[in-house]
PDB file of N, CA and C in Angstrom:
ATOM      1  N   MET A   1    -116.715  38.275  22.030  1.00  0.00           N
ATOM      2  CA  MET A   1    -116.040  38.393  23.428  1.00  0.00           C
ATOM      3  C   MET A   1    -114.363  38.965  22.324  1.00  0.00           C
ATOM      4  N   SER A   2    -113.607  40.191  23.270  1.00  0.00           N
ATOM      5  CA  SER A   2    -112.776  40.829  22.581  1.00  0.00           C
ATOM      6  C   SER A   2    -111.505  40.447  23.522  1.00  0.00           C
ATOM      7  N   ASN A   3    -110.167  40.729  21.893  1.00  0.00           N
ATOM      8  CA  ASN A   3    -109.276  39.899  22.499  1.00  0.00           C
ATOM      9  C   ASN A   3    -108.794  40.105  24.408  1.00  0.00           C
ATOM     10  N   ILE A   4    -108.818  41.484  24.400  1.00  0.00           N
ATOM     11  CA  ILE A   4    -108.417  41.931  25.904  1.00  0.00           C
ATOM     12  C   ILE A   4    -109.853  40.884  26.805  1.00  0.00           C
ATOM     13  N   SER A   5    -110.539  40.937  26.444  1.00  0.00           N
ATOM     14  CA  SER A   5    -110.913  39.561  27.262  1.00  0.00           C
ATOM     15  C   SER A   5    -111.049  38.318  27.753  1.00  0.00           C
ATOM     16  N   LYS A   6    -110.155  38.123  26.272  1.00  0.00           N
ATOM     17  CA  LYS A   6    -109.973  36.373  26.275  1.00  0.00           C
ATOM     18  C   LYS A   6    -108.861  36.650  26.798  1.00  0.00           C
ATOM     19  N   THR A   7    -107.912  37.498  27.149  1.00  0.00           N
ATOM     20  CA  THR A   7    -106.401  37.125  27.308  1.00  0.00           C
ATOM     21  C   THR A   7    -106.800  37.401  28.800  1.00  0.00           C
ATOM     22  N   THR A   8    -107.935  38.392  29.471  1.00  0.00           N
ATOM     23  CA  THR A   8    -107.955  38.651  30.838  1.00  0.00           C
ATOM     24  C   THR A   8    -108.403  36.932  30.804  1.00  0.00           C
ATOM     25  N   GLY A   9    -109.114  36.592  30.473  1.00  0.00           N
ATOM     26  CA  GLY A   9    -109.690  35.685  31.139  1.00  0.00           C
ATOM     27  C   GLY A   9    -108.879  34.555  31.121  1.00  0.00           C
ATOM     28  N   GLU A  10    -107.569  34.192  30.157  1.00  0.00           N
ATOM     29  CA  GLU A  10    -106.903  33.648  30.026  1.00  0.00           C
ATOM     30  C   GLU A  10    -105.894  33.846  31.728  1.00  0.00           C
ATOM     31  N   THR A  11    -105.320  35.111  31.891  1.00  0.00           N
ATOM     32  CA  THR A  11    -105.224  35.320  32.463  1.00  0.00           C
ATOM     33  C   THR A  11    -105.421  35.210  34.066  1.00  0.00           C
ATOM     34  N   VAL A  12    -106.522  35.084  33.889  1.00  0.00           N
ATOM     35  CA  VAL A  12    -106.985  35.108  35.143  1.00  0.00           C
ATOM     36  C   VAL A  12    -107.043  33.981  35.528  1.00  0.00           C
ATOM     37  N   LYS A  13    -107.016  32.326  34.467  1.00  0.00           N
ATOM     38  CA  LYS A  13    -107.065  31.002  34.734  1.00  0.00           C
ATOM     39  C   LYS A  13    -105.670  30.654  35.123  1.00  0.00           C
ATOM     40  N   GLY A  14    -104.722  31.353  34.393  1.00  0.00           N
ATOM     41  CA  GLY A  14    -104.141  31.052  34.144  1.00  0.00           C
ATOM     42  C   GLY A  14    -103.475  30.991  35.628  1.00  0.00           C
ATOM     43  N   VAL A  15    -103.445  32.576  36.629  1.00  0.00           N
ATOM     44  CA  VAL A  15    -103.234  32.675  37.817  1.00  0.00           C
ATOM     45  C   VAL A  15    -104.418  32.004  38.956  1.00  0.00           C
ATOM     46  N   ILE A  16    -105.108  31.411  38.806  1.00  0.00           N
ATOM     47  CA  ILE A  16    -106.096  30.370  39.917  1.00  0.00           C
ATOM     48  C   ILE A  16    -105.641  28.987  39.388  1.00  0.00           C
ATOM     49  N   GLY A  17    -105.362  28.510  38.818  1.00  0.00           N
ATOM     50  CA  GLY A  17    -104.457  26.987  37.544  1.00  0.00           C
ATOM     51  C   GLY A  17    -102.984  27.327  39.379  1.00  0.00           C
ATOM     52  N   GLY A  18    -102.279  28.066  38.466  1.00  0.00           N
ATOM     53  CA  GLY A  18    -100.556  28.209  39.294  1.00  0.00           C
ATOM     54  C   GLY A  18    -101.041  28.458  41.212  1.00  0.00           C
ATOM     55  N   ALA A  19    -102.102  28.751  41.352  1.00  0.00           N
ATOM     56  CA  ALA A  19    -102.629  29.052  42.726  1.00  0.00           C
ATOM     57  C   ALA A  19    -103.227  28.205  43.062  1.00  0.00           C
ATOM     58  N   VAL A  20    -104.148  27.232  42.200  1.00  0.00           N
ATOM     59  CA  VAL A  20    -104.920  25.920  42.596  1.00  0.00           C
ATOM     60  C   VAL A  20    -103.589  24.909  43.183  1.00  0.00           C
ATOM     61  N   GLU A  21    -102.368  24.648  42.080  1.00  0.00           N
ATOM     62  CA  GLU A  21    -101.130  24.054  42.562  1.00  0.00           C
ATOM     63  C   GLU A  21    -100.587  24.441  43.500  1.00  0.00           C
ATOM     64  N   GLY A  22     -99.987  25.910  42.996  1.00  0.00           N
ATOM     65  CA  GLY A  22     -99.597  25.897  44.572  1.00  0.00           C
ATOM     66  C   GLY A  22     -99.957  25.208  45.874  1.00  0.00           C
ATOM     67  N   ALA A  23    -101.457  25.614  45.436  1.00  0.00           N
ATOM     68  CA  ALA A  23    -101.904  24.916  47.409  1.00  0.00           C
ATOM     69  C   ALA A  23    -101.856  23.173  47.284  1.00  0.00           C
ATOM     70  N   LEU A  24    -101.407  22.775  46.471  1.00  0.00           N
ATOM     71  CA  LEU A  24    -101.535  21.592  45.796  1.00  0.00           C
ATOM     72  C   LEU A  24    -100.161  21.288  46.745  1.00  0.00           C
ATOM     73  N   GLU A  25     -99.287  21.552  45.968  1.00  0.00           N
ATOM     74  CA  GLU A  25     -97.851  20.755  46.275  1.00  0.00           C
ATOM     75  C   GLU A  25     -98.006  21.567  48.064  1.00  0.00           C
ATOM     76  N   ALA A  26     -98.294  22.806  48.223  1.00  0.00           N
ATOM     77  CA  ALA A  26     -98.350  23.001  49.593  1.00  0.00           C
ATOM     78  C   ALA A  26     -98.530  21.948  50.811  1.00  0.00           C
ATOM     79  N   GLY A  27    -100.209  21.396  50.473  1.00  0.00           N
ATOM     80  CA  GLY A  27    -100.692  20.394  51.041  1.00  0.00           C
ATOM     81  C   GLY A  27     -99.645  19.453  50.965  1.00  0.00           C
ATOM     82  N   GLU A  28     -99.052  18.958  50.062  1.00  0.00           N
ATOM     83  CA  GLU A  28     -98.268  17.440  49.688  1.00  0.00           C
ATOM     84  C   GLU A  28     -97.433  17.328  50.899  1.00  0.00           C
ATOM     85  N   LYS A  29     -96.645  19.486  50.338  1.00  0.00           N
ATOM     86  CA  LYS A  29     -94.980  19.076  51.687  1.00  0.00           C
ATOM     87  C   LYS A  29     -95.858  18.998  53.176  1.00  0.00           C
ATOM     88  N   VAL A  30     -96.817  19.390  53.876  1.00  0.00           N
ATOM     89  CA  VAL A  30     -97.447  19.227  54.746  1.00  0.00           C
ATOM     90  C   VAL A  30     -97.879  18.409  55.002  1.00  0.00           C
ATOM     91  N   GLY A  31     -98.040  17.477  54.665  1.00  0.00           N
ATOM     92  CA  GLY A  31     -98.838  15.984  54.841  1.00  0.00           C
ATOM     93  C   GLY A  31     -98.096  15.127  54.523  1.00  0.00           C
ATOM     94  N   ARG A  32     -96.687  15.788  54.080  1.00  0.00           N
ATOM     95  CA  ARG A  32     -95.106  14.566  54.486  1.00  0.00           C
ATOM     96  C   ARG A  32     -94.843  14.764  55.755  1.00  0.00           C
ATOM     97  N   LYS A  33     -94.646  16.306  56.009  1.00  0.00           N
ATOM     98  CA  LYS A  33     -94.529  16.573  57.538  1.00  0.00           C
ATOM     99  C   LYS A  33     -94.631  16.102  58.364  1.00  0.00           C
ATOM    100  N   VAL A  34     -96.664  15.835  58.192  1.00  0.00           N
ATOM    101  CA  VAL A  34     -97.394  15.145  59.507  1.00  0.00           C
ATOM    102  C   VAL A  34     -96.087  14.073  59.267  1.00  0.00           C
ATOM    103  N   ASN A  35     -96.759  13.132  58.760  1.00  0.00           N
ATOM    104  CA  ASN A  35     -96.202  11.794  57.878  1.00  0.00           C
ATOM    105  C   ASN A  35     -94.349  11.912  58.937  1.00  0.00           C
ATOM    106  N   GLU A  36     -93.992  12.326  59.036  1.00  0.00           N
ATOM    107  CA  GLU A  36     -92.355  12.349  59.673  1.00  0.00           C
ATOM    108  C   GLU A  36     -93.342  12.554  60.913  1.00  0.00           C
ATOM    109  N   VAL A  37     -93.546  13.449  61.545  1.00  0.00           N
ATOM    110  CA  VAL A  37     -93.704  14.203  62.724  1.00  0.00           C
ATOM    111  C   VAL A  37     -94.165  12.102  63.717  1.00  0.00           C
ATOM    112  N   VAL A  38     -95.384  11.593  62.959  1.00  0.00           N
ATOM    113  CA  VAL A  38     -95.855  10.540  62.950  1.00  0.00           C
ATOM    114  C   VAL A  38     -95.407   9.960  63.232  1.00  0.00           C
ATOM    115  N   ASP A  39     -94.142   9.403  62.483  1.00  0.00           N
ATOM    116  CA  ASP A  39     -93.363   7.942  62.647  1.00  0.00           C
ATOM    117  C   ASP A  39     -92.363   8.509  63.407  1.00  0.00           C
ATOM    118  N   ALA A  40     -91.583   9.330  64.183  1.00  0.00           N
ATOM    119  CA  ALA A  40     -91.134   9.627  65.007  1.00  0.00           C
ATOM    120  C   ALA A  40     -91.376  10.077  66.322  1.00  0.00           C
ATOM    121  N   TYR A  41     -92.600  10.435  66.563  1.00  0.00           N
ATOM    122  CA  TYR A  41     -93.321   9.998  67.181  1.00  0.00           C
ATOM    123  C   TYR A  41     -93.477   8.264  67.742  1.00  0.00           C
ATOM    124  N   SER A  42     -93.870   8.045  66.643  1.00  0.00           N
ATOM    125  CA  SER A  42     -93.663   6.127  66.816  1.00  0.00           C
ATOM    126  C   SER A  42     -92.965   5.656  67.286  1.00  0.00           C
ATOM    127  N   GLY A  43     -91.989   5.952  66.494  1.00  0.00           N
ATOM    128  CA  GLY A  43     -89.965   6.199  67.080  1.00  0.00           C
ATOM    129  C   GLY A  43     -90.070   5.761  68.499  1.00  0.00           C
ATOM    130  N   MET A  44     -90.129   7.224  68.979  1.00  0.00           N
ATOM    131  CA  MET A  44     -90.326   8.228  70.473  1.00  0.00           C
ATOM    132  C   MET A  44     -90.651   6.694  70.971  1.00  0.00           C
ATOM    133  N   ARG A  45     -92.022   6.710  71.082  1.00  0.00           N
ATOM    134  CA  ARG A  45     -92.911   5.474  72.527  1.00  0.00           C
ATOM    135  C   ARG A  45     -92.454   3.861  71.888  1.00  0.00           C
ATOM    136  N   GLU A  46     -92.279   3.580  70.457  1.00  0.00           N
ATOM    137  CA  GLU A  46     -91.401   2.004  70.303  1.00  0.00           C
ATOM    138  C   GLU A  46     -90.047   2.233  71.550  1.00  0.00           C
ATOM    139  N   ALA A  47     -89.804   3.098  71.213  1.00  0.00           N
ATOM    140  CA  ALA A  47     -87.818   3.431  72.146  1.00  0.00           C
ATOM    141  C   ALA A  47     -88.561   3.072  73.784  1.00  0.00           C
ATOM    142  N   GLN A  48     -89.399   4.451  73.687  1.00  0.00           N
ATOM    143  CA  GLN A  48     -90.285   4.780  75.667  1.00  0.00           C
ATOM    144  C   GLN A  48     -90.362   2.636  75.660  1.00  0.00           C
ATOM    145  N   ASP A  49     -91.259   2.053  74.792  1.00  0.00           N
ATOM    146  CA  ASP A  49     -91.530   0.198  75.308  1.00  0.00           C
ATOM    147  C   ASP A  49     -90.310  -0.306  75.487  1.00  0.00           C
ATOM    148  N   GLN A  50     -89.362  -0.502  74.986  1.00  0.00           N
ATOM    149  CA  GLN A  50     -88.336  -1.170  75.086  1.00  0.00           C
ATOM    150  C   GLN A  50     -87.540  -0.755  76.453  1.00  0.00           C
ATOM    151  N   GLN A  51     -87.648   0.313  76.371  1.00  0.00           N
ATOM    152  CA  GLN A  51     -86.647   0.793  77.569  1.00  0.00           C
ATOM    153  C   GLN A  51     -87.963   0.307  78.958  1.00  0.00           C
ATOM    154  N   ALA A  52     -88.722   0.091  78.931  1.00  0.00           N
ATOM    155  CA  ALA A  52     -89.478  -0.183  79.789  1.00  0.00           C
ATOM    156  C   ALA A  52     -89.588  -1.290  80.123  1.00  0.00           C
ATOM    157  N   ARG A  53     -89.427  -1.790  79.164  1.00  0.00           N
ATOM    158  CA  ARG A  53     -89.378  -3.415  79.238  1.00  0.00           C
ATOM    159  C   ARG A  53     -88.171  -4.002  79.600  1.00  0.00           C
ATOM    160  N   ALA A  54     -86.772  -3.364  79.479  1.00  0.00           N
ATOM    161  CA  ALA A  54     -85.794  -3.148  79.863  1.00  0.00           C
ATOM    162  C   ALA A  54     -85.704  -3.420  81.165  1.00  0.00           C
ATOM    163  N   GLU A  55     -86.020  -1.814  81.368  1.00  0.00           N
ATOM    164  CA  GLU A  55     -86.193  -1.860  83.130  1.00  0.00           C
ATOM    165  C   GLU A  55     -87.416  -2.894  83.722  1.00  0.00           C
ATOM    166  N   HIS A  56     -87.911  -3.554  83.383  1.00  0.00           N
ATOM    167  CA  HIS A  56     -88.936  -4.294  83.921  1.00  0.00           C
ATOM    168  C   HIS A  56     -87.824  -6.088  84.477  1.00  0.00           C
ATOM    169  N   ASP A  57     -87.013  -6.315  82.802  1.00  0.00           N
ATOM    170  CA  ASP A  57     -86.542  -7.664  82.889  1.00  0.00           C
ATOM    171  C   ASP A  57     -85.608  -7.103  83.954  1.00  0.00           C
ATOM    172  N   ALA A  58     -84.189  -6.137  83.741  1.00  0.00           N
ATOM    173  CA  ALA A  58     -83.301  -5.822  84.743  1.00  0.00           C
ATOM    174  C   ALA A  58     -83.338  -5.707  86.115  1.00  0.00           C
ATOM    175  N   ALA A  59     -85.040  -5.344  86.724  1.00  0.00           N
ATOM    176  CA  ALA A  59     -85.412  -5.784  87.792  1.00  0.00           C
ATOM    177  C   ALA A  59     -85.714  -6.816  88.413  1.00  0.00           C
ATOM    178  N   VAL A  60     -86.028  -7.594  87.340  1.00  0.00           N
ATOM    179  CA  VAL A  60     -86.780  -9.243  87.421  1.00  0.00           C
ATOM    180  C   VAL A  60     -86.138  -9.905  87.788  1.00  0.00           C
ATOM    181  N   GLN A  61     -84.601  -9.942  87.292  1.00  0.00           N
ATOM    182  CA  GLN A  61     -83.599 -10.767  87.355  1.00  0.00           C
ATOM    183  C   GLN A  61     -82.343 -10.147  88.241  1.00  0.00           C
ATOM    184  N   GLU A  62     -82.700  -9.297  89.097  1.00  0.00           N
ATOM    185  CA  GLU A  62     -82.114  -8.225  90.186  1.00  0.00           C
ATOM    186  C   GLU A  62     -82.848  -9.079  91.445  1.00  0.00           C
ATOM    187  N   ARG A  63     -84.347  -9.360  91.134  1.00  0.00           N
ATOM    188  CA  ARG A  63     -84.628 -10.533  92.892  1.00  0.00           C
ATOM    189  C   ARG A  63     -84.584 -11.315  92.273  1.00  0.00           C
ATOM    190  N   VAL A  64     -84.875 -12.186  91.075  1.00  0.00           N
ATOM    191  CA  VAL A  64     -84.034 -13.594  91.241  1.00  0.00           C
ATOM    192  C   VAL A  64     -82.825 -13.773  91.548  1.00  0.00           C
ATOM    193  N   VAL A  65     -81.388 -12.924  91.381  1.00  0.00           N
ATOM    194  CA  VAL A  65     -80.404 -13.438  92.071  1.00  0.00           C
ATOM    195  C   VAL A  65     -80.868 -13.098  93.564  1.00  0.00           C
ATOM    196  N   ALA A  66     -81.132 -11.976  93.835  1.00  0.00           N
ATOM    197  CA  ALA A  66     -81.074 -12.404  95.714  1.00  0.00           C
ATOM    198  C   ALA A  66     -82.087 -12.848  96.013  1.00  0.00           C
ATOM    199  N   GLU A  67     -82.975 -13.817  94.894  1.00  0.00           N
ATOM    200  CA  GLU A  67     -83.744 -15.512  95.741  1.00  0.00           C
ATOM    201  C   GLU A  67     -82.697 -16.172  95.050  1.00  0.00           C
ATOM    202  N   LYS A  68     -81.960 -16.467  94.578  1.00  0.00           N
ATOM    203  CA  LYS A  68     -81.170 -17.613  94.263  1.00  0.00           C
ATOM    204  C   LYS A  68     -79.713 -17.773  95.323  1.00  0.00           C
ATOM    205  N   ARG A  69     -79.674 -16.746  95.536  1.00  0.00           N
ATOM    206  CA  ARG A  69     -78.588 -16.428  96.760  1.00  0.00           C
ATOM    207  C   ARG A  69     -79.061 -16.670  98.137  1.00  0.00           C
ATOM    208  N   ARG A  70     -80.632 -16.540  98.333  1.00  0.00           N
ATOM    209  CA  ARG A  70     -81.003 -16.831  99.887  1.00  0.00           C
ATOM    210  C   ARG A  70     -81.235 -17.922  99.558  1.00  0.00           C
ATOM    211  N   ASN A  71     -82.109 -18.648  98.317  1.00  0.00           N
ATOM    212  CA  ASN A  71     -82.083 -20.009  98.230  1.00  0.00           C
ATOM    213  C   ASN A  71     -81.613 -20.473  97.571  1.00  0.00           C
ATOM    214  N   PRO A  72     -80.596 -21.258  97.452  1.00  0.00           N
ATOM    215  CA  PRO A  72     -78.903 -21.330  96.314  1.00  0.00           C
ATOM    216  C   PRO A  72     -80.220 -23.075  95.956  1.00  0.00           C
ATOM    217  N   GLY A  73     -80.758 -24.124  96.684  1.00  0.00           N
ATOM    218  CA  GLY A  73     -81.504 -25.296  96.550  1.00  0.00           C
ATOM    219  C   GLY A  73     -82.214 -24.639  94.963  1.00  0.00           C
ATOM    220  N   ARG A  74     -83.492 -23.271  94.886  1.00  0.00           N
ATOM    221  CA  ARG A  74     -83.913 -23.242  94.350  1.00  0.00           C
ATOM    222  C   ARG A  74     -83.907 -22.977  92.839  1.00  0.00           C
ATOM    223  N   SER A  75     -84.540 -23.815  91.393  1.00  0.00           N
ATOM    224  CA  SER A  75     -84.428 -23.673  90.352  1.00  0.00           C
ATOM    225  C   SER A  75     -84.251 -22.010  90.086  1.00  0.00           C
ATOM    226  N   VAL A  76     -83.366 -21.789  89.243  1.00  0.00           N
ATOM    227  CA  VAL A  76     -83.692 -20.047  88.595  1.00  0.00           C
ATOM    228  C   VAL A  76     -85.481 -20.284  87.759  1.00  0.00           C
ATOM    229  N   GLN A  77     -85.639 -20.530  87.051  1.00  0.00           N
ATOM    230  CA  GLN A  77     -86.815 -20.799  86.144  1.00  0.00           C
ATOM    231  C   GLN A  77     -87.479 -21.171  87.561  1.00  0.00           C
ATOM    232  N   ASP A  78     -88.190 -22.070  88.710  1.00  0.00           N
ATOM    233  CA  ASP A  78     -89.358 -21.458  89.733  1.00  0.00           C
ATOM    234  C   ASP A  78     -88.985 -20.413  90.304  1.00  0.00           C
ATOM    235  N   ILE A  79     -88.024 -19.563  90.438  1.00  0.00           N
ATOM    236  CA  ILE A  79     -87.781 -17.983  90.394  1.00  0.00           C
ATOM    237  C   ILE A  79     -88.001 -17.328  90.101  1.00  0.00           C
ATOM    238  N   ARG A  80     -87.764 -17.268  88.995  1.00  0.00           N
ATOM    239  CA  ARG A  80     -88.061 -16.178  87.843  1.00  0.00           C
ATOM    240  C   ARG A  80     -90.155 -16.509  87.563  1.00  0.00           C
ATOM    241  N   ASP A  81     -90.259 -17.742  87.564  1.00  0.00           N
ATOM    242  CA  ASP A  81     -91.967 -18.133  87.710  1.00  0.00           C
ATOM    243  C   ASP A  81     -92.595 -16.618  88.804  1.00  0.00           C
ATOM    244  N   GLU A  82     -91.781 -17.181  89.908  1.00  0.00           N
ATOM    245  CA  GLU A  82     -92.881 -16.707  90.851  1.00  0.00           C
ATOM    246  C   GLU A  82     -92.378 -15.166  90.625  1.00  0.00           C
ATOM    247  N   VAL A  83     -91.545 -14.234  90.391  1.00  0.00           N
ATOM    248  CA  VAL A  83     -90.886 -12.988  90.633  1.00  0.00           C
ATOM    249  C   VAL A  83     -92.559 -12.570  89.653  1.00  0.00           C
ATOM    250  N   GLU A  84     -92.256 -12.747  88.554  1.00  0.00           N
ATOM    251  CA  GLU A  84     -93.239 -12.909  87.199  1.00  0.00           C
ATOM    252  C   GLU A  84     -94.580 -12.699  87.743  1.00  0.00           C
ATOM    253  N   ARG A  85     -95.131 -13.493  88.890  1.00  0.00           N
ATOM    254  CA  ARG A  85     -96.155 -13.551  89.426  1.00  0.00           C
ATOM    255  C   ARG A  85     -96.167 -12.709  89.801  1.00  0.00           C
ATOM    256  N   GLY A  86     -95.188 -11.778  90.511  1.00  0.00           N
ATOM    257  CA  GLY A  86     -95.741 -10.663  91.767  1.00  0.00           C
ATOM    258  C   GLY A  86     -95.139 -11.590  92.840  1.00  0.00           C
ATOM    259  N   GLY A  87     -94.828 -13.026  93.312  1.00  0.00           N
ATOM    260  CA  GLY A  87     -94.633 -12.599  94.375  1.00  0.00           C
ATOM    261  C   GLY A  87     -93.413 -13.161  94.843  1.00  0.00           C
TER     262      GLY A  87
END
């Protein structure tokens, strides 16, 4: 094999190796971005779930207070239990 062929072969190996390495690095960057998006989405879903629970708890509390005003002799726990069961 001539020196030119060896040099060309080594150059091609270097170019291909560099391209593969660059592709791997780009893949890692994409993977990190995907993970960031997944984490952000999970955080958003968790915040939405917390908001829904807070809104539900506030609605229950409002109904408990209204029922307690109408019927001061009932215990708050009995009223809350009834409201939670859908009564």
